[in-house]
Amino acid sequence: MTTDRPAATTTRQETEDTPTCPQCGRAGLMSARFPHTWHGHNGKPVRGFKQAVLCATCDDGEETATALSALIDEQGAVRPEDVETFILLAVDWTGRARRRAPDPKALAEEEQRWHLDEL
């Protein structure tokens, strides 16, 4: 089995059965799952998937996320007249989520807390 095939570029966005926000634990409004590749310690590419969750609390203040949040009702639905706007915003939000990288300082602090059995 070869691992050198190109990664798929398909992104799947969901508003139903959305996972909770990994930062605050509240219910997410929407999630996007997309291909993600990184290089392992041996330098070879590792292909997998990354998931982003739209959270009304944690993403508040980010323009695209706030606009998306406003279009999704309590049942996770979008009104028919807002579908075009929703699609444009969802594509923009997903693109931003794909480029988002972890904060190395926060990651190191969380690892330290894990080693101290604080998590």
C-alpha atoms as a PDB file:
ATOM      1  CA  MET A   1       0.000   0.000   0.000  1.00  0.00           C
ATOM      2  CA  THR A   2       1.466   3.347  -1.002  1.00  0.00           C
ATOM      3  CA  THR A   3       1.168   6.503   1.067  1.00  0.00           C
ATOM      4  CA  ASP A   4       2.197   8.878  -1.721  1.00  0.00           C
ATOM      5  CA  ARG A   5      -1.262   9.441  -3.178  1.00  0.00           C
ATOM      6  CA  PRO A   6      -2.540  13.030  -3.083  1.00  0.00           C
ATOM      7  CA  ALA A   7      -4.791  13.919  -0.184  1.00  0.00           C
ATOM      8  CA  ALA A   8      -8.454  14.451  -0.964  1.00  0.00           C
ATOM      9  CA  THR A   9      -9.557  18.054  -1.040  1.00  0.00           C
ATOM     10  CA  THR A  10     -13.174  17.451  -0.103  1.00  0.00           C
ATOM     11  CA  THR A  11     -14.509  19.221   2.944  1.00  0.00           C
ATOM     12  CA  ARG A  12     -17.651  18.085   4.726  1.00  0.00           C
ATOM     13  CA  GLN A  13     -19.606  20.612   6.747  1.00  0.00           C
ATOM     14  CA  GLU A  14     -22.335  19.601   9.163  1.00  0.00           C
ATOM     15  CA  THR A  15     -24.876  21.360  11.326  1.00  0.00           C
ATOM     16  CA  GLU A  16     -26.613  18.201  12.589  1.00  0.00           C
ATOM     17  CA  ASP A  17     -25.000  16.064  15.314  1.00  0.00           C
ATOM     18  CA  THR A  18     -22.279  18.650  15.744  1.00  0.00           C
ATOM     19  CA  PRO A  19     -19.679  17.767  18.370  1.00  0.00           C
ATOM     20  CA  THR A  20     -19.092  19.923  21.406  1.00  0.00           C
ATOM     21  CA  CYS A  21     -16.533  22.699  21.305  1.00  0.00           C
ATOM     22  CA  PRO A  22     -13.120  21.260  22.243  1.00  0.00           C
ATOM     23  CA  GLN A  23     -12.188  24.519  23.994  1.00  0.00           C
ATOM     24  CA  CYS A  24     -15.196  25.192  26.243  1.00  0.00           C
ATOM     25  CA  GLY A  25     -17.312  22.027  26.071  1.00  0.00           C
ATOM     26  CA  ARG A  26     -20.473  23.838  24.940  1.00  0.00           C
ATOM     27  CA  ALA A  27     -22.557  22.578  22.039  1.00  0.00           C
ATOM     28  CA  GLY A  28     -21.078  23.426  18.655  1.00  0.00           C
ATOM     29  CA  LEU A  29     -23.187  25.030  15.943  1.00  0.00           C
ATOM     30  CA  MET A  30     -21.450  23.480  12.957  1.00  0.00           C
ATOM     31  CA  SER A  31     -18.392  21.398  12.211  1.00  0.00           C
ATOM     32  CA  ALA A  32     -16.139  20.970   9.214  1.00  0.00           C
ATOM     33  CA  ARG A  33     -13.951  17.931   8.623  1.00  0.00           C
ATOM     34  CA  PHE A  34     -11.166  18.206   6.076  1.00  0.00           C
ATOM     35  CA  PRO A  35      -8.010  16.419   4.955  1.00  0.00           C
ATOM     36  CA  HIS A  36      -4.877  17.360   6.858  1.00  0.00           C
ATOM     37  CA  THR A  37      -1.308  16.257   6.215  1.00  0.00           C
ATOM     38  CA  TRP A  38       1.732  16.725   8.414  1.00  0.00           C
ATOM     39  CA  HIS A  39       5.200  15.205   8.499  1.00  0.00           C
ATOM     40  CA  GLY A  40       6.147  12.639  11.127  1.00  0.00           C
ATOM     41  CA  HIS A  41       9.475  12.399  12.919  1.00  0.00           C
ATOM     42  CA  ASN A  42      10.815  10.328  10.017  1.00  0.00           C
ATOM     43  CA  GLY A  43       9.982  13.120   7.543  1.00  0.00           C
ATOM     44  CA  LYS A  44       7.288  11.126   5.766  1.00  0.00           C
ATOM     45  CA  PRO A  45       3.852  12.643   5.257  1.00  0.00           C
ATOM     46  CA  VAL A  46       1.079  11.477   7.560  1.00  0.00           C
ATOM     47  CA  ARG A  47      -2.379  11.940   6.111  1.00  0.00           C
ATOM     48  CA  GLY A  48      -5.441  12.271   8.231  1.00  0.00           C
ATOM     49  CA  PHE A  49      -8.343  14.549   8.950  1.00  0.00           C
ATOM     50  CA  LYS A  50      -8.777  17.653  11.029  1.00  0.00           C
ATOM     51  CA  GLN A  51     -12.087  18.876  12.425  1.00  0.00           C
ATOM     52  CA  ALA A  52     -13.116  22.409  13.324  1.00  0.00           C
ATOM     53  CA  VAL A  53     -16.173  23.230  15.425  1.00  0.00           C
ATOM     54  CA  LEU A  54     -18.003  26.549  15.183  1.00  0.00           C
ATOM     55  CA  CYS A  55     -18.740  27.738  18.723  1.00  0.00           C
ATOM     56  CA  ALA A  56     -20.940  30.756  19.429  1.00  0.00           C
ATOM     57  CA  THR A  57     -18.883  31.497  22.550  1.00  0.00           C
ATOM     58  CA  CYS A  58     -15.270  30.783  21.575  1.00  0.00           C
ATOM     59  CA  ASP A  59     -15.571  32.140  18.026  1.00  0.00           C
ATOM     60  CA  ASP A  60     -17.465  35.261  19.088  1.00  0.00           C
ATOM     61  CA  GLY A  61     -15.677  38.313  17.747  1.00  0.00           C
ATOM     62  CA  GLU A  62     -14.330  36.624  14.603  1.00  0.00           C
ATOM     63  CA  GLU A  63     -16.371  38.277  11.854  1.00  0.00           C
ATOM     64  CA  THR A  64     -17.164  35.264   9.670  1.00  0.00           C
ATOM     65  CA  ALA A  65     -17.896  32.985  12.632  1.00  0.00           C
ATOM     66  CA  THR A  66     -20.200  35.545  14.214  1.00  0.00           C
ATOM     67  CA  ALA A  67     -22.119  36.006  10.952  1.00  0.00           C
ATOM     68  CA  LEU A  68     -22.454  32.222  10.550  1.00  0.00           C
ATOM     69  CA  SER A  69     -23.643  31.821  14.132  1.00  0.00           C
ATOM     70  CA  ALA A  70     -26.376  34.378  13.500  1.00  0.00           C
ATOM     71  CA  LEU A  71     -27.734  32.321  10.579  1.00  0.00           C
ATOM     72  CA  ILE A  72     -28.025  29.014  12.456  1.00  0.00           C
ATOM     73  CA  ASP A  73     -31.125  28.661  14.627  1.00  0.00           C
ATOM     74  CA  GLU A  74     -31.464  26.668  17.864  1.00  0.00           C
ATOM     75  CA  GLN A  75     -32.322  23.487  15.939  1.00  0.00           C
ATOM     76  CA  GLY A  76     -29.206  23.812  13.741  1.00  0.00           C
ATOM     77  CA  ALA A  77     -31.183  24.900  10.679  1.00  0.00           C
ATOM     78  CA  VAL A  78     -30.721  27.764   8.250  1.00  0.00           C
ATOM     79  CA  ARG A  79     -33.722  29.612   6.797  1.00  0.00           C
ATOM     80  CA  PRO A  80     -34.148  29.015   3.045  1.00  0.00           C
ATOM     81  CA  GLU A  81     -33.638  32.711   2.247  1.00  0.00           C
ATOM     82  CA  ASP A  82     -30.246  32.622   4.042  1.00  0.00           C
ATOM     83  CA  VAL A  83     -28.825  29.513   2.359  1.00  0.00           C
ATOM     84  CA  GLU A  84     -26.695  31.359  -0.242  1.00  0.00           C
ATOM     85  CA  THR A  85     -25.170  33.638   2.387  1.00  0.00           C
ATOM     86  CA  PHE A  86     -24.644  30.646   4.681  1.00  0.00           C
ATOM     87  CA  ILE A  87     -22.762  28.736   1.974  1.00  0.00           C
ATOM     88  CA  LEU A  88     -20.443  31.675   1.228  1.00  0.00           C
ATOM     89  CA  LEU A  89     -19.722  32.224   4.919  1.00  0.00           C
ATOM     90  CA  ALA A  90     -19.264  28.495   5.580  1.00  0.00           C
ATOM     91  CA  VAL A  91     -16.688  28.206   2.800  1.00  0.00           C
ATOM     92  CA  ASP A  92     -14.828  31.248   4.157  1.00  0.00           C
ATOM     93  CA  TRP A  93     -14.956  29.956   7.749  1.00  0.00           C
ATOM     94  CA  THR A  94     -13.730  26.512   6.687  1.00  0.00           C
ATOM     95  CA  GLY A  95     -10.826  28.058   4.786  1.00  0.00           C
ATOM     96  CA  ARG A  96      -9.828  30.016   7.889  1.00  0.00           C
ATOM     97  CA  ALA A  97     -10.157  26.887  10.050  1.00  0.00           C
ATOM     98  CA  ARG A  98      -7.890  24.957   7.671  1.00  0.00           C
ATOM     99  CA  ARG A  99      -5.147  27.562   8.093  1.00  0.00           C
ATOM    100  CA  ARG A 100      -5.493  27.802  11.881  1.00  0.00           C
ATOM    101  CA  ALA A 101      -2.496  26.417  13.743  1.00  0.00           C
ATOM    102  CA  PRO A 102      -2.215  25.524  17.417  1.00  0.00           C
ATOM    103  CA  ASP A 103      -0.705  28.079  19.772  1.00  0.00           C
ATOM    104  CA  PRO A 104       2.658  26.519  20.760  1.00  0.00           C
ATOM    105  CA  LYS A 105       2.659  28.252  24.167  1.00  0.00           C
ATOM    106  CA  ALA A 106      -0.863  27.054  25.033  1.00  0.00           C
ATOM    107  CA  LEU A 107       0.011  23.558  23.809  1.00  0.00           C
ATOM    108  CA  ALA A 108       3.135  23.452  25.997  1.00  0.00           C
ATOM    109  CA  GLU A 109       1.136  24.662  29.014  1.00  0.00           C
ATOM    110  CA  GLU A 110      -1.521  22.015  28.452  1.00  0.00           C
ATOM    111  CA  GLU A 111       1.148  19.322  28.122  1.00  0.00           C
ATOM    112  CA  GLN A 112       2.699  20.483  31.393  1.00  0.00           C
ATOM    113  CA  ARG A 113      -0.696  20.295  33.128  1.00  0.00           C
ATOM    114  CA  TRP A 114      -1.161  16.792  31.719  1.00  0.00           C
ATOM    115  CA  HIS A 115       2.207  15.698  33.152  1.00  0.00           C
ATOM    116  CA  LEU A 116       1.195  17.146  36.535  1.00  0.00           C
ATOM    117  CA  ASP A 117      -2.118  15.187  36.419  1.00  0.00           C
ATOM    118  CA  GLU A 118      -4.116  18.418  36.376  1.00  0.00           C
ATOM    119  CA  LEU A 119      -6.192  17.426  33.352  1.00  0.00           C
END
